Amino acid sequence: EIGPYTNHFDNIMLSGTQVPLAQTAKNLGFVFDDSLSLQAHIASVSQKCNMSLRNLRRIAPKLSFELKVQLVHSCIFSHLDYCNAVLGSINSSQLQSLQRIQNAAVRFIFNLKKRAHIKPYLKKAHFLPVKDRIDYKIALMVFKVIHNIAPKYLQELLNLKDPNAVYSLRYNNDTNILQHPNTIPHFKATYGAFSLRAPYVWNSLPHSLRNEHCLKKFKSCLKTFYFEKTYRDTEDI
C-alpha cells in the first residue's frame, strides 16, 4: 500500500553521530519524497523545464520551426517522459502542472500568446498530452513483459488471464488480457503501482493492438490509437 506516512523516528544515531532525516532522496534521477506523493519529483521536473524554456525563448527568433521541435524533444520532453510510468496515480493538480509545461513548449514552438487555445496546436505538432504519454509508456512496458523483453522483476508483477476461463463477451477468444490483482487498495496512490495500473491500461487497448508482435509496429500503432482518441473532435488548423 502507498498511503499517508508517519515518521516514527526522532533521530538516527550511527557510531555516536546523529544522522539527520531527509525529506527527499534522489535515485537514478527520480526524486522521492518522504510521503511518496511524487510532488517533489514533479516540482523538480517543472523547475528544470521552466529554466530550459526561459533559455530557449531568448534565442527563439533565430530558430527554425524544425529546430524548435528538436529542442523541445531534447530539453523538455526528455524530462517530462523520464520515469513517467511511475506517475499513473498523480492527482489532477499534479497532472495539470506537467501539462502546463507541455503547453508552454507548444507556445514556444508556434510563437503563441499565453491565452491561445493549445489543443489544436498539440495536434498539429503531433504531441500526445501528458496523460496519454504516461499510459503510452505503461502499455509499452506491458508489451515488453508479455514478449519477454522486459526485466524479470517487471514480469513477476503481471499475469495473463487463463485463456480457458470464461469471461465477458468482450474477452472471448482473447489470450492477451492481463489479470487484475485480487486485493483492493485502501489508498488512491496505490492504484499507480505498475501491478495495478498496467492491467487497466493494457486491457483498454483494442484487440488488434494487444495481439501485435512487432515492437516497432506496436509503438507506431499505439501512438496512433492514443492520438486519434485524444484529437478525434479537434479541428485541424
Protein backbone atom coordinates (compact mmCIF):
# COMPACT_ATOMS: atom_id res chain seq x y z
CA GLU A 1 0.00 0.00 0.00
CA ILE A 2 1.14 3.55 -0.79
CA GLY A 3 -0.60 5.85 1.66
CA PRO A 4 -0.08 8.51 4.31
CA TYR A 5 3.26 8.06 6.01
CA THR A 6 4.04 8.92 9.62
CA ASN A 7 7.64 9.34 10.67
CA HIS A 8 8.32 7.18 13.73
CA PHE A 9 11.97 8.25 14.10
CA ASP A 10 13.03 11.34 16.01
CA ASN A 11 16.66 10.80 15.12
CA ILE A 12 19.05 8.08 13.96
CA MET A 13 22.36 7.53 15.69
CA LEU A 14 25.29 5.93 13.83
CA SER A 15 28.54 5.38 15.76
CA GLY A 16 27.52 8.10 18.17
CA THR A 17 26.73 10.58 15.41
CA GLN A 18 23.20 11.81 14.75
CA VAL A 19 22.15 11.32 11.12
CA PRO A 20 19.66 13.98 10.00
CA LEU A 21 16.48 12.79 8.31
CA ALA A 22 15.94 13.96 4.72
CA GLN A 23 12.54 14.82 3.28
CA THR A 24 13.60 13.87 -0.24
CA ALA A 25 16.05 11.45 -1.86
CA LYS A 26 17.13 11.06 -5.48
CA ASN A 27 17.59 7.66 -7.13
CA LEU A 28 18.58 7.42 -10.81
CA GLY A 29 17.35 10.97 -11.33
CA PHE A 30 13.90 10.40 -9.79
CA VAL A 31 13.12 12.41 -6.65
CA PHE A 32 11.27 10.57 -3.88
CA ASP A 33 9.65 12.46 -1.01
CA ASP A 34 9.05 11.05 2.47
CA SER A 35 5.31 10.60 1.82
CA LEU A 36 5.65 9.19 -1.73
CA SER A 37 3.27 11.85 -3.03
CA LEU A 38 5.55 12.34 -6.09
CA GLN A 39 5.19 16.10 -5.57
CA ALA A 40 8.93 16.56 -5.09
CA HIS A 41 9.70 14.92 -8.44
CA ILE A 42 7.03 16.95 -10.24
CA ALA A 43 8.42 20.14 -8.71
CA SER A 44 11.93 19.15 -9.83
CA VAL A 45 10.76 18.43 -13.39
CA SER A 46 8.85 21.72 -13.50
CA GLN A 47 11.89 23.68 -12.37
CA LYS A 48 14.20 22.08 -14.96
CA CYS A 49 11.75 22.50 -17.83
CA ASN A 50 10.82 26.09 -16.99
CA MET A 51 14.50 27.02 -16.81
CA SER A 52 15.13 25.42 -20.21
CA LEU A 53 12.12 27.18 -21.72
CA ARG A 54 13.32 30.56 -20.45
CA ASN A 55 16.68 30.00 -22.11
CA LEU A 56 15.11 28.78 -25.34
CA ARG A 57 12.82 31.82 -25.60
CA ARG A 58 15.88 34.07 -25.69
CA ILE A 59 17.07 32.52 -28.94
CA ALA A 60 13.62 31.72 -30.38
CA PRO A 61 13.74 34.39 -33.17
CA LYS A 62 16.83 32.75 -34.63
CA LEU A 63 15.42 29.20 -34.64
CA SER A 64 13.50 27.43 -37.40
CA PHE A 65 10.32 25.50 -36.68
CA GLU A 66 12.07 22.15 -37.10
CA LEU A 67 14.89 23.14 -34.75
CA LYS A 68 12.39 24.32 -32.13
CA VAL A 69 10.70 20.92 -32.21
CA GLN A 70 14.03 19.14 -31.83
CA LEU A 71 15.00 21.32 -28.88
CA VAL A 72 11.65 20.74 -27.16
CA HIS A 73 12.12 16.98 -27.51
CA SER A 74 15.67 17.07 -26.15
CA CYS A 75 15.32 19.74 -23.44
CA ILE A 76 11.69 19.43 -22.29
CA PHE A 77 10.17 16.06 -23.18
CA SER A 78 13.28 14.23 -22.03
CA HIS A 79 12.37 15.39 -18.50
CA LEU A 80 8.60 15.03 -18.85
CA ASP A 81 8.87 11.44 -20.11
CA TYR A 82 11.62 10.25 -17.76
CA CYS A 83 10.24 7.52 -15.46
CA ASN A 84 6.73 8.76 -16.24
CA ALA A 85 5.28 5.26 -15.88
CA VAL A 86 5.53 5.88 -12.12
CA LEU A 87 3.12 8.82 -12.43
CA GLY A 88 -0.03 6.77 -13.06
CA SER A 89 -1.70 7.83 -9.80
CA ILE A 90 -0.92 11.56 -9.70
CA ASN A 91 -3.88 13.79 -8.95
CA SER A 92 -5.43 16.28 -11.36
CA SER A 93 -3.49 19.21 -9.90
CA GLN A 94 -0.15 17.45 -10.39
CA LEU A 95 -1.12 16.35 -13.89
CA GLN A 96 -2.08 19.91 -14.77
CA SER A 97 1.31 21.14 -13.56
CA LEU A 98 3.04 18.85 -16.05
CA GLN A 99 0.56 19.68 -18.80
CA ARG A 100 1.26 23.39 -18.36
CA ILE A 101 4.90 22.68 -19.15
CA GLN A 102 3.98 20.93 -22.39
CA ASN A 103 1.58 23.76 -23.26
CA ALA A 104 4.35 26.30 -22.72
CA ALA A 105 6.61 24.26 -25.00
CA VAL A 106 3.96 24.33 -27.73
CA ARG A 107 3.59 28.09 -27.35
CA PHE A 108 7.34 28.37 -27.80
CA ILE A 109 7.28 26.28 -30.99
CA PHE A 110 4.40 28.17 -32.62
CA ASN A 111 5.12 31.57 -31.05
CA LEU A 112 1.66 31.72 -29.47
CA LYS A 113 0.23 34.13 -26.94
CA LYS A 114 -0.44 32.89 -23.43
CA ARG A 115 -4.23 32.70 -23.84
CA ALA A 116 -4.16 30.88 -27.19
CA HIS A 117 -6.11 27.59 -27.35
CA ILE A 118 -3.45 24.90 -27.18
CA LYS A 119 -5.11 21.62 -28.16
CA PRO A 120 -5.23 22.25 -31.95
CA TYR A 121 -1.51 23.07 -31.86
CA LEU A 122 -0.74 19.95 -29.84
CA LYS A 123 -2.45 18.04 -32.63
CA LYS A 124 -0.56 19.93 -35.34
CA ALA A 125 2.76 19.17 -33.63
CA HIS A 126 1.66 15.54 -33.23
CA PHE A 127 2.27 15.60 -29.48
CA LEU A 128 0.35 13.34 -27.11
CA PRO A 129 -0.83 15.10 -23.92
CA VAL A 130 0.97 14.22 -20.68
CA LYS A 131 -1.70 11.75 -19.50
CA ASP A 132 -1.54 9.79 -22.74
CA ARG A 133 2.26 9.84 -22.69
CA ILE A 134 2.12 8.17 -19.26
CA ASP A 135 -0.29 5.48 -20.47
CA TYR A 136 1.77 5.02 -23.64
CA LYS A 137 4.87 4.25 -21.56
CA ILE A 138 2.95 1.80 -19.35
CA ALA A 139 1.45 -0.02 -22.35
CA LEU A 140 4.87 -0.25 -23.97
CA MET A 141 6.32 -1.78 -20.81
CA VAL A 142 3.49 -4.35 -20.70
CA PHE A 143 4.19 -5.29 -24.33
CA LYS A 144 7.82 -5.96 -23.40
CA VAL A 145 6.74 -8.02 -20.39
CA ILE A 146 4.40 -10.20 -22.46
CA HIS A 147 7.07 -10.76 -25.11
CA ASN A 148 9.83 -11.50 -22.57
CA ILE A 149 11.98 -8.47 -23.38
CA ALA A 150 11.45 -6.73 -20.03
CA PRO A 151 13.37 -7.20 -16.76
CA LYS A 152 12.32 -10.20 -14.69
CA TYR A 153 11.20 -8.06 -11.76
CA LEU A 154 8.54 -6.49 -14.02
CA GLN A 155 7.46 -9.85 -15.42
CA GLU A 156 6.81 -11.08 -11.90
CA LEU A 157 4.26 -8.29 -11.34
CA LEU A 158 1.88 -9.25 -14.17
CA ASN A 159 -0.10 -12.35 -15.09
CA LEU A 160 -2.13 -13.17 -18.18
CA LYS A 161 -5.66 -14.43 -17.62
CA ASP A 162 -6.30 -18.11 -18.16
CA PRO A 163 -7.42 -18.46 -21.82
CA ASN A 164 -9.64 -21.42 -20.88
CA ALA A 165 -11.62 -19.47 -18.29
CA VAL A 166 -14.94 -17.86 -19.20
CA TYR A 167 -15.04 -14.07 -19.00
CA SER A 168 -17.22 -11.39 -20.53
CA LEU A 169 -18.02 -11.46 -24.25
CA ARG A 170 -15.53 -8.69 -24.80
CA TYR A 171 -12.66 -11.00 -23.81
CA ASN A 172 -13.82 -14.15 -25.60
CA ASN A 173 -11.02 -15.71 -27.70
CA ASP A 174 -8.60 -13.11 -26.40
CA THR A 175 -5.43 -14.53 -24.87
CA ASN A 176 -3.64 -11.25 -24.19
CA ILE A 177 -5.72 -9.98 -21.27
CA LEU A 178 -3.98 -9.20 -18.00
CA GLN A 179 -5.35 -10.41 -14.71
CA HIS A 180 -6.21 -7.72 -12.16
CA PRO A 181 -4.87 -8.25 -8.62
CA ASN A 182 -7.48 -9.57 -6.19
CA THR A 183 -6.62 -7.07 -3.47
CA ILE A 184 -8.42 -3.72 -3.33
CA PRO A 185 -6.11 -0.82 -2.36
CA HIS A 186 -7.09 1.41 0.55
CA PHE A 187 -5.22 4.43 -0.76
CA LYS A 188 -5.63 6.14 -4.12
CA ALA A 189 -1.88 6.41 -4.66
CA THR A 190 -1.61 2.61 -4.68
CA TYR A 191 -3.55 2.49 -7.95
CA GLY A 192 -0.47 3.96 -9.61
CA ALA A 193 1.54 0.82 -8.82
CA PHE A 194 2.58 -0.98 -12.01
CA SER A 195 0.82 -4.20 -10.97
CA LEU A 196 -2.49 -2.32 -10.71
CA ARG A 197 -2.24 0.38 -13.35
CA ALA A 198 -0.76 -1.81 -16.09
CA PRO A 199 -3.73 -4.24 -16.41
CA TYR A 200 -6.15 -1.32 -16.64
CA VAL A 201 -4.14 0.44 -19.37
CA TRP A 202 -3.36 -2.74 -21.33
CA ASN A 203 -6.87 -4.25 -21.25
CA SER A 204 -8.35 -0.99 -22.54
CA LEU A 205 -6.37 -1.27 -25.79
CA PRO A 206 -8.04 -2.70 -28.94
CA HIS A 207 -7.76 -6.43 -29.57
CA SER A 208 -5.65 -5.98 -32.69
CA LEU A 209 -3.16 -3.79 -30.84
CA ARG A 210 -2.79 -6.16 -27.89
CA ASN A 211 -2.10 -9.04 -30.28
CA GLU A 212 0.60 -7.24 -32.27
CA HIS A 213 4.01 -8.98 -32.12
CA CYS A 214 6.36 -6.49 -33.79
CA LEU A 215 7.69 -3.90 -31.33
CA LYS A 216 8.25 -1.21 -33.96
CA LYS A 217 4.75 -1.60 -35.39
CA PHE A 218 3.22 -1.76 -31.90
CA LYS A 219 4.82 1.56 -30.93
CA SER A 220 3.55 3.22 -34.10
CA CYS A 221 0.02 1.83 -33.79
CA LEU A 222 -0.10 2.63 -30.07
CA LYS A 223 0.66 6.29 -30.66
CA THR A 224 -1.89 6.39 -33.47
CA PHE A 225 -4.51 4.89 -31.15
CA TYR A 226 -3.98 7.49 -28.41
CA PHE A 227 -3.63 10.30 -30.94
CA GLU A 228 -6.93 9.51 -32.66
CA LYS A 229 -8.73 9.02 -29.34
CA THR A 230 -7.50 12.34 -27.96
CA TYR A 231 -7.88 14.53 -31.04
CA ARG A 232 -10.91 12.92 -32.66
CA ASP A 233 -13.04 16.04 -32.12
CA THR A 234 -10.25 18.60 -32.51
CA GLU A 235 -10.27 20.54 -35.76
CA ASP A 236 -7.10 20.96 -37.78
CA ILE A 237 -5.53 24.39 -38.07
